[in-house]
PDB file of N, CA and C in Angstrom:
ATOM      1  N   MET A   1       0.856  -1.179   0.000  1.00  0.00           N
ATOM      2  CA  MET A   1       0.000   0.000   0.000  1.00  0.00           C
ATOM      3  C   MET A   1       0.899   1.240   0.000  1.00  0.00           C
ATOM      4  N   PRO A   2       0.612   2.201  -0.873  1.00  0.00           N
ATOM      5  CA  PRO A   2       1.456   3.402  -0.939  1.00  0.00           C
ATOM      6  C   PRO A   2       1.284   4.281   0.299  1.00  0.00           C
ATOM      7  N   ASP A   3       2.333   5.044   0.564  1.00  0.00           N
ATOM      8  CA  ASP A   3       2.283   5.975   1.688  1.00  0.00           C
ATOM      9  C   ASP A   3       1.273   7.079   1.424  1.00  0.00           C
ATOM     10  N   THR A   4       0.673   7.549   2.485  1.00  0.00           N
ATOM     11  CA  THR A   4      -0.199   8.699   2.370  1.00  0.00           C
ATOM     12  C   THR A   4       0.639   9.960   2.555  1.00  0.00           C
ATOM     13  N   PHE A   5       0.050  11.078   2.248  1.00  0.00           N
ATOM     14  CA  PHE A   5       0.718  12.359   2.442  1.00  0.00           C
ATOM     15  C   PHE A   5       1.135  12.524   3.896  1.00  0.00           C
ATOM     16  N   GLU A   6       0.246  12.160   4.812  1.00  0.00           N
ATOM     17  CA  GLU A   6       0.532  12.300   6.231  1.00  0.00           C
ATOM     18  C   GLU A   6       1.704  11.424   6.656  1.00  0.00           C
ATOM     19  N   ASP A   7       1.788  10.214   6.086  1.00  0.00           N
ATOM     20  CA  ASP A   7       2.916   9.333   6.387  1.00  0.00           C
ATOM     21  C   ASP A   7       4.232   9.958   5.931  1.00  0.00           C
ATOM     22  N   CYS A   8       4.208  10.582   4.772  1.00  0.00           N
ATOM     23  CA  CYS A   8       5.409  11.231   4.242  1.00  0.00           C
ATOM     24  C   CYS A   8       5.830  12.407   5.120  1.00  0.00           C
ATOM     25  N   VAL A   9       4.861  13.189   5.597  1.00  0.00           N
ATOM     26  CA  VAL A   9       5.180  14.320   6.474  1.00  0.00           C
ATOM     27  C   VAL A   9       5.747  13.816   7.800  1.00  0.00           C
ATOM     28  N   LEU A  10       5.171  12.754   8.347  1.00  0.00           N
ATOM     29  CA  LEU A  10       5.703  12.174   9.589  1.00  0.00           C
ATOM     30  C   LEU A  10       7.125  11.660   9.392  1.00  0.00           C
ATOM     31  N   ALA A  11       7.389  11.039   8.256  1.00  0.00           N
ATOM     32  CA  ALA A  11       8.742  10.552   7.965  1.00  0.00           C
ATOM     33  C   ALA A  11       9.708  11.724   7.834  1.00  0.00           C
ATOM     34  N   ALA A  12       9.264  12.795   7.186  1.00  0.00           N
ATOM     35  CA  ALA A  12      10.111  13.984   7.045  1.00  0.00           C
ATOM     36  C   ALA A  12      10.423  14.587   8.406  1.00  0.00           C
ATOM     37  N   ARG A  13       9.425  14.668   9.269  1.00  0.00           N
ATOM     38  CA  ARG A  13       9.647  15.183  10.628  1.00  0.00           C
ATOM     39  C   ARG A  13      10.671  14.333  11.380  1.00  0.00           C
ATOM     40  N   ALA A  14      10.548  13.030  11.259  1.00  0.00           N
ATOM     41  CA  ALA A  14      11.469  12.130  11.956  1.00  0.00           C
ATOM     42  C   ALA A  14      12.894  12.300  11.431  1.00  0.00           C
ATOM     43  N   GLU A  15      13.042  12.375  10.124  1.00  0.00           N
ATOM     44  CA  GLU A  15      14.373  12.550   9.537  1.00  0.00           C
ATOM     45  C   GLU A  15      14.978  13.897   9.922  1.00  0.00           C
ATOM     46  N   LEU A  16      14.165  14.934   9.901  1.00  0.00           N
ATOM     47  CA  LEU A  16      14.668  16.255  10.283  1.00  0.00           C
ATOM     48  C   LEU A  16      15.045  16.298  11.760  1.00  0.00           C
ATOM     49  N   ALA A  17      14.271  15.634  12.596  1.00  0.00           N
ATOM     50  CA  ALA A  17      14.598  15.582  14.025  1.00  0.00           C
ATOM     51  C   ALA A  17      15.922  14.854  14.231  1.00  0.00           C
ATOM     52  N   MET A  18      16.148  13.786  13.471  1.00  0.00           N
ATOM     53  CA  MET A  18      17.405  13.063  13.584  1.00  0.00           C
ATOM     54  C   MET A  18      18.571  13.926  13.084  1.00  0.00           C
ATOM     55  N   ALA A  19      18.368  14.637  11.981  1.00  0.00           N
ATOM     56  CA  ALA A  19      19.404  15.530  11.468  1.00  0.00           C
ATOM     57  C   ALA A  19      19.710  16.629  12.479  1.00  0.00           C
ATOM     58  N   ARG A  20      18.676  17.152  13.104  1.00  0.00           N
ATOM     59  CA  ARG A  20      18.860  18.201  14.113  1.00  0.00           C
ATOM     60  C   ARG A  20      19.696  17.688  15.283  1.00  0.00           C
ATOM     61  N   GLN A  21      19.399  16.473  15.739  1.00  0.00           N
ATOM     62  CA  GLN A  21      20.143  15.895  16.850  1.00  0.00           C
ATOM     63  C   GLN A  21      21.598  15.625  16.461  1.00  0.00           C
ATOM     64  N   LEU A  22      21.824  15.105  15.261  1.00  0.00           N
ATOM     65  CA  LEU A  22      23.188  14.844  14.813  1.00  0.00           C
ATOM     66  C   LEU A  22      23.990  16.134  14.724  1.00  0.00           C
ATOM     67  N   LEU A  23      23.378  17.190  14.204  1.00  0.00           N
ATOM     68  CA  LEU A  23      24.056  18.480  14.131  1.00  0.00           C
ATOM     69  C   LEU A  23      24.318  19.036  15.525  1.00  0.00           C
ATOM     70  N   ARG A  24      23.344  18.907  16.418  1.00  0.00           N
ATOM     71  CA  ARG A  24      23.514  19.381  17.795  1.00  0.00           C
ATOM     72  C   ARG A  24      24.699  18.676  18.450  1.00  0.00           C
ATOM     73  N   ASP A  25      24.791  17.353  18.253  1.00  0.00           N
ATOM     74  CA  ASP A  25      25.894  16.590  18.838  1.00  0.00           C
ATOM     75  C   ASP A  25      27.234  17.015  18.243  1.00  0.00           C
ATOM     76  N   GLU A  26      27.267  17.192  16.926  1.00  0.00           N
ATOM     77  CA  GLU A  26      28.512  17.579  16.273  1.00  0.00           C
ATOM     78  C   GLU A  26      28.959  18.977  16.694  1.00  0.00           C
ATOM     79  N   ILE A  27      28.021  19.895  16.816  1.00  0.00           N
ATOM     80  CA  ILE A  27      28.355  21.258  17.245  1.00  0.00           C
ATOM     81  C   ILE A  27      28.844  21.248  18.692  1.00  0.00           C
ATOM     82  N   SER A  28      28.192  20.462  19.550  1.00  0.00           N
ATOM     83  CA  SER A  28      28.575  20.460  20.961  1.00  0.00           C
ATOM     84  C   SER A  28      29.936  19.812  21.198  1.00  0.00           C
ATOM     85  N   THR A  29      30.363  18.923  20.319  1.00  0.00           N
ATOM     86  CA  THR A  29      31.668  18.274  20.484  1.00  0.00           C
ATOM     87  C   THR A  29      32.747  18.906  19.618  1.00  0.00           C
ATOM     88  N   TYR A  30      32.421  20.010  18.947  1.00  0.00           N
ATOM     89  CA  TYR A  30      33.402  20.676  18.084  1.00  0.00           C
ATOM     90  C   TYR A  30      34.524  21.225  18.961  1.00  0.00           C
ATOM     91  N   PRO A  31      35.780  21.011  18.560  1.00  0.00           N
ATOM     92  CA  PRO A  31      36.890  21.470  19.407  1.00  0.00           C
ATOM     93  C   PRO A  31      36.945  22.986  19.523  1.00  0.00           C
ATOM     94  N   SER A  32      37.314  23.457  20.702  1.00  0.00           N
ATOM     95  CA  SER A  32      37.436  24.895  20.911  1.00  0.00           C
ATOM     96  C   SER A  32      38.922  25.248  20.897  1.00  0.00           C
ATOM     97  N   PRO A  33      39.344  26.464  20.723  1.00  0.00           N
ATOM     98  CA  PRO A  33      38.512  27.647  20.529  1.00  0.00           C
ATOM     99  C   PRO A  33      37.983  27.721  19.097  1.00  0.00           C
ATOM    100  N   ILE A  34      36.880  28.399  18.962  1.00  0.00           N
ATOM    101  CA  ILE A  34      36.237  28.559  17.655  1.00  0.00           C
ATOM    102  C   ILE A  34      36.506  29.979  17.170  1.00  0.00           C
ATOM    103  N   ALA A  35      37.234  30.086  16.096  1.00  0.00           N
ATOM    104  CA  ALA A  35      37.501  31.398  15.515  1.00  0.00           C
ATOM    105  C   ALA A  35      36.308  31.829  14.676  1.00  0.00           C
ATOM    106  N   GLY A  36      36.138  33.129  14.519  1.00  0.00           N
ATOM    107  CA  GLY A  36      35.027  33.660  13.735  1.00  0.00           C
ATOM    108  C   GLY A  36      35.070  33.255  12.278  1.00  0.00           C
ATOM    109  N   CYS A  37      36.244  32.839  11.802  1.00  0.00           N
ATOM    110  CA  CYS A  37      36.369  32.475  10.396  1.00  0.00           C
ATOM    111  C   CYS A  37      36.515  30.965  10.221  1.00  0.00           C
ATOM    112  N   ASP A  38      36.075  30.197  11.188  1.00  0.00           N
ATOM    113  CA  ASP A  38      36.148  28.740  11.106  1.00  0.00           C
ATOM    114  C   ASP A  38      35.072  28.255  10.144  1.00  0.00           C
ATOM    115  N   ALA A  39      35.467  27.936   8.916  1.00  0.00           N
ATOM    116  CA  ALA A  39      34.515  27.594   7.858  1.00  0.00           C
ATOM    117  C   ALA A  39      33.727  26.326   8.185  1.00  0.00           C
ATOM    118  N   GLN A  40      34.364  25.335   8.771  1.00  0.00           N
ATOM    119  CA  GLN A  40      33.662  24.086   9.080  1.00  0.00           C
ATOM    120  C   GLN A  40      32.581  24.307  10.140  1.00  0.00           C
ATOM    121  N   PHE A  41      32.906  25.084  11.170  1.00  0.00           N
ATOM    122  CA  PHE A  41      31.923  25.361  12.211  1.00  0.00           C
ATOM    123  C   PHE A  41      30.782  26.207  11.654  1.00  0.00           C
ATOM    124  N   ASN A  42      31.117  27.203  10.840  1.00  0.00           N
ATOM    125  CA  ASN A  42      30.088  28.038  10.226  1.00  0.00           C
ATOM    126  C   ASN A  42      29.183  27.208   9.312  1.00  0.00           C
ATOM    127  N   HIS A  43      29.746  26.208   8.647  1.00  0.00           N
ATOM    128  CA  HIS A  43      28.937  25.314   7.809  1.00  0.00           C
ATOM    129  C   HIS A  43      27.955  24.522   8.670  1.00  0.00           C
ATOM    130  N   LEU A  44      28.408  24.060   9.832  1.00  0.00           N
ATOM    131  CA  LEU A  44      27.514  23.334  10.743  1.00  0.00           C
ATOM    132  C   LEU A  44      26.375  24.225  11.218  1.00  0.00           C
ATOM    133  N   LEU A  45      26.697  25.482  11.535  1.00  0.00           N
ATOM    134  CA  LEU A  45      25.653  26.418  11.967  1.00  0.00           C
ATOM    135  C   LEU A  45      24.651  26.679  10.849  1.00  0.00           C
ATOM    136  N   ALA A  46      25.141  26.810   9.622  1.00  0.00           N
ATOM    137  CA  ALA A  46      24.245  27.035   8.478  1.00  0.00           C
ATOM    138  C   ALA A  46      23.357  25.817   8.244  1.00  0.00           C
ATOM    139  N   ALA A  47      23.924  24.635   8.351  1.00  0.00           N
ATOM    140  CA  ALA A  47      23.136  23.407   8.174  1.00  0.00           C
ATOM    141  C   ALA A  47      22.071  23.298   9.259  1.00  0.00           C
ATOM    142  N   ARG A  48      22.450  23.660  10.495  1.00  0.00           N
ATOM    143  CA  ARG A  48      21.472  23.631  11.589  1.00  0.00           C
ATOM    144  C   ARG A  48      20.312  24.572  11.306  1.00  0.00           C
ATOM    145  N   GLN A  49      20.611  25.753  10.794  1.00  0.00           N
ATOM    146  CA  GLN A  49      19.561  26.719  10.477  1.00  0.00           C
ATOM    147  C   GLN A  49      18.640  26.203   9.368  1.00  0.00           C
ATOM    148  N   LYS A  50      19.211  25.542   8.364  1.00  0.00           N
ATOM    149  CA  LYS A  50      18.396  24.965   7.290  1.00  0.00           C
ATOM    150  C   LYS A  50      17.431  23.919   7.837  1.00  0.00           C
ATOM    151  N   VAL A  51      17.927  23.073   8.732  1.00  0.00           N
ATOM    152  CA  VAL A  51      17.082  22.025   9.320  1.00  0.00           C
ATOM    153  C   VAL A  51      15.980  22.654  10.164  1.00  0.00           C
ATOM    154  N   LEU A  52      16.323  23.649  10.976  1.00  0.00           N
ATOM    155  CA  LEU A  52      15.311  24.311  11.806  1.00  0.00           C
ATOM    156  C   LEU A  52      14.257  25.003  10.943  1.00  0.00           C
ATOM    157  N   THR A  53      14.693  25.628   9.852  1.00  0.00           N
ATOM    158  CA  THR A  53      13.750  26.280   8.937  1.00  0.00           C
ATOM    159  C   THR A  53      12.817  25.252   8.303  1.00  0.00           C
ATOM    160  N   ALA A  54      13.353  24.098   7.929  1.00  0.00           N
ATOM    161  CA  ALA A  54      12.524  23.046   7.339  1.00  0.00           C
ATOM    162  C   ALA A  54      11.505  22.517   8.344  1.00  0.00           C
ATOM    163  N   ILE A  55      11.931  22.344   9.593  1.00  0.00           N
ATOM    164  CA  ILE A  55      11.003  21.871  10.628  1.00  0.00           C
ATOM    165  C   ILE A  55       9.885  22.888  10.838  1.00  0.00           C
ATOM    166  N   ARG A  56      10.259  24.165  10.926  1.00  0.00           N
ATOM    167  CA  ARG A  56       9.242  25.215  11.111  1.00  0.00           C
ATOM    168  C   ARG A  56       8.284  25.276   9.934  1.00  0.00           C
ATOM    169  N   SER A  57       8.806  25.060   8.722  1.00  0.00           N
ATOM    170  CA  SER A  57       7.937  25.156   7.544  1.00  0.00           C
ATOM    171  C   SER A  57       6.882  24.052   7.531  1.00  0.00           C
ATOM    172  N   LEU A  58       7.178  22.915   8.152  1.00  0.00           N
ATOM    173  CA  LEU A  58       6.178  21.854   8.237  1.00  0.00           C
ATOM    174  C   LEU A  58       5.042  22.230   9.183  1.00  0.00           C
ATOM    175  N   ASP A  59       5.337  23.118  10.140  1.00  0.00           N
ATOM    176  CA  ASP A  59       4.330  23.522  11.118  1.00  0.00           C
ATOM    177  C   ASP A  59       3.570  24.782  10.717  1.00  0.00           C
ATOM    178  N   ASP A  60       4.077  25.516   9.738  1.00  0.00           N
ATOM    179  CA  ASP A  60       3.442  26.771   9.337  1.00  0.00           C
ATOM    180  C   ASP A  60       2.100  26.541   8.646  1.00  0.00           C
ATOM    181  N   SER A  61       1.170  27.431   8.928  1.00  0.00           N
ATOM    182  CA  SER A  61      -0.086  27.437   8.188  1.00  0.00           C
ATOM    183  C   SER A  61       0.142  28.192   6.892  1.00  0.00           C
ATOM    184  N   VAL A  62      -0.382  27.668   5.834  1.00  0.00           N
ATOM    185  CA  VAL A  62      -0.207  28.292   4.532  1.00  0.00           C
ATOM    186  C   VAL A  62      -1.555  28.800   4.050  1.00  0.00           C
ATOM    187  N   PHE A  63      -1.592  30.058   3.675  1.00  0.00           N
ATOM    188  CA  PHE A  63      -2.816  30.636   3.139  1.00  0.00           C
ATOM    189  C   PHE A  63      -2.864  30.375   1.637  1.00  0.00           C
ATOM    190  N   VAL A  64      -3.941  29.778   1.193  1.00  0.00           N
ATOM    191  CA  VAL A  64      -4.148  29.537  -0.230  1.00  0.00           C
ATOM    192  C   VAL A  64      -5.322  30.400  -0.663  1.00  0.00           C
ATOM    193  N   PRO A  65      -5.056  31.454  -1.447  1.00  0.00           N
ATOM    194  CA  PRO A  65      -6.147  32.329  -1.853  1.00  0.00           C
ATOM    195  C   PRO A  65      -7.131  31.610  -2.765  1.00  0.00           C
ATOM    196  N   THR A  66      -8.399  31.881  -2.531  1.00  0.00           N
ATOM    197  CA  THR A  66      -9.466  31.353  -3.373  1.00  0.00           C
ATOM    198  C   THR A  66     -10.389  32.513  -3.730  1.00  0.00           C
ATOM    199  N   PRO A  67     -11.296  32.341  -4.672  1.00  0.00           N
ATOM    200  CA  PRO A  67     -12.202  33.447  -4.989  1.00  0.00           C
ATOM    201  C   PRO A  67     -13.010  33.942  -3.785  1.00  0.00           C
ATOM    202  N   ARG A  68     -13.293  33.072  -2.835  1.00  0.00           N
ATOM    203  CA  ARG A  68     -14.080  33.483  -1.670  1.00  0.00           C
ATOM    204  C   ARG A  68     -13.234  34.180  -0.620  1.00  0.00           C
ATOM    205  N   THR A  69     -11.955  33.853  -0.530  1.00  0.00           N
ATOM    206  CA  THR A  69     -11.061  34.498   0.430  1.00  0.00           C
ATOM    207  C   THR A  69      -9.778  34.914  -0.293  1.00  0.00           C
ATOM    208  N   PRO A  70      -9.805  36.061  -0.978  1.00  0.00           N
ATOM    209  CA  PRO A  70      -8.644  36.485  -1.750  1.00  0.00           C
ATOM    210  C   PRO A  70      -7.464  36.954  -0.903  1.00  0.00           C
ATOM    211  N   THR A  71      -7.712  37.304   0.368  1.00  0.00           N
ATOM    212  CA  THR A  71      -6.633  37.727   1.263  1.00  0.00           C
ATOM    213  C   THR A  71      -6.839  37.051   2.618  1.00  0.00           C
ATOM    214  N   PRO A  72      -5.778  36.913   3.403  1.00  0.00           N
ATOM    215  CA  PRO A  72      -5.933  36.285   4.715  1.00  0.00           C
ATOM    216  C   PRO A  72      -6.888  37.055   5.625  1.00  0.00           C
ATOM    217  N   GLU A  73      -6.999  38.363   5.428  1.00  0.00           N
ATOM    218  CA  GLU A  73      -7.857  39.179   6.281  1.00  0.00           C
ATOM    219  C   GLU A  73      -9.335  39.110   5.888  1.00  0.00           C
ATOM    220  N   ALA A  74      -9.623  38.517   4.753  1.00  0.00           N
ATOM    221  CA  ALA A  74     -11.006  38.487   4.250  1.00  0.00           C
ATOM    222  C   ALA A  74     -11.913  37.626   5.112  1.00  0.00           C
ATOM    223  N   GLY A  75     -11.341  36.705   5.870  1.00  0.00           N
ATOM    224  CA  GLY A  75     -12.178  35.848   6.704  1.00  0.00           C
ATOM    225  C   GLY A  75     -12.819  34.746   5.885  1.00  0.00           C
ATOM    226  N   ILE A  76     -13.751  34.065   6.496  1.00  0.00           N
ATOM    227  CA  ILE A  76     -14.421  32.942   5.834  1.00  0.00           C
ATOM    228  C   ILE A  76     -15.828  33.371   5.454  1.00  0.00           C
ATOM    229  N   GLU A  77     -16.126  33.204   4.205  1.00  0.00           N
ATOM    230  CA  GLU A  77     -17.462  33.560   3.719  1.00  0.00           C
ATOM    231  C   GLU A  77     -18.378  32.359   3.891  1.00  0.00           C
ATOM    232  N   SER A  78     -19.551  32.604   4.426  1.00  0.00           N
ATOM    233  CA  SER A  78     -20.509  31.498   4.545  1.00  0.00           C
ATOM    234  C   SER A  78     -21.662  31.778   3.595  1.00  0.00           C
ATOM    235  N   ARG A  79     -22.226  30.742   3.082  1.00  0.00           N
ATOM    236  CA  ARG A  79     -23.380  30.883   2.161  1.00  0.00           C
ATOM    237  C   ARG A  79     -24.502  30.026   2.605  1.00  0.00           C
TER     238      ARG A  79
END
């Protein structure tokens, strides 16, 4: 039986959570001192931000304009 959309989103959440934990572990064990121009450490920070942004995007509500609600402020039209 094929995966449902919800199954795919749950799998994505699990993978992102694992990536977040792996990055957290790698950042916490990174040798000090950390110079401001440490490219490897800065890459880890950038990767962490990408993962956090992806996790947040799964939780965000997305407004899809329709003829009945052309803007988010229009509210819900009842008929």
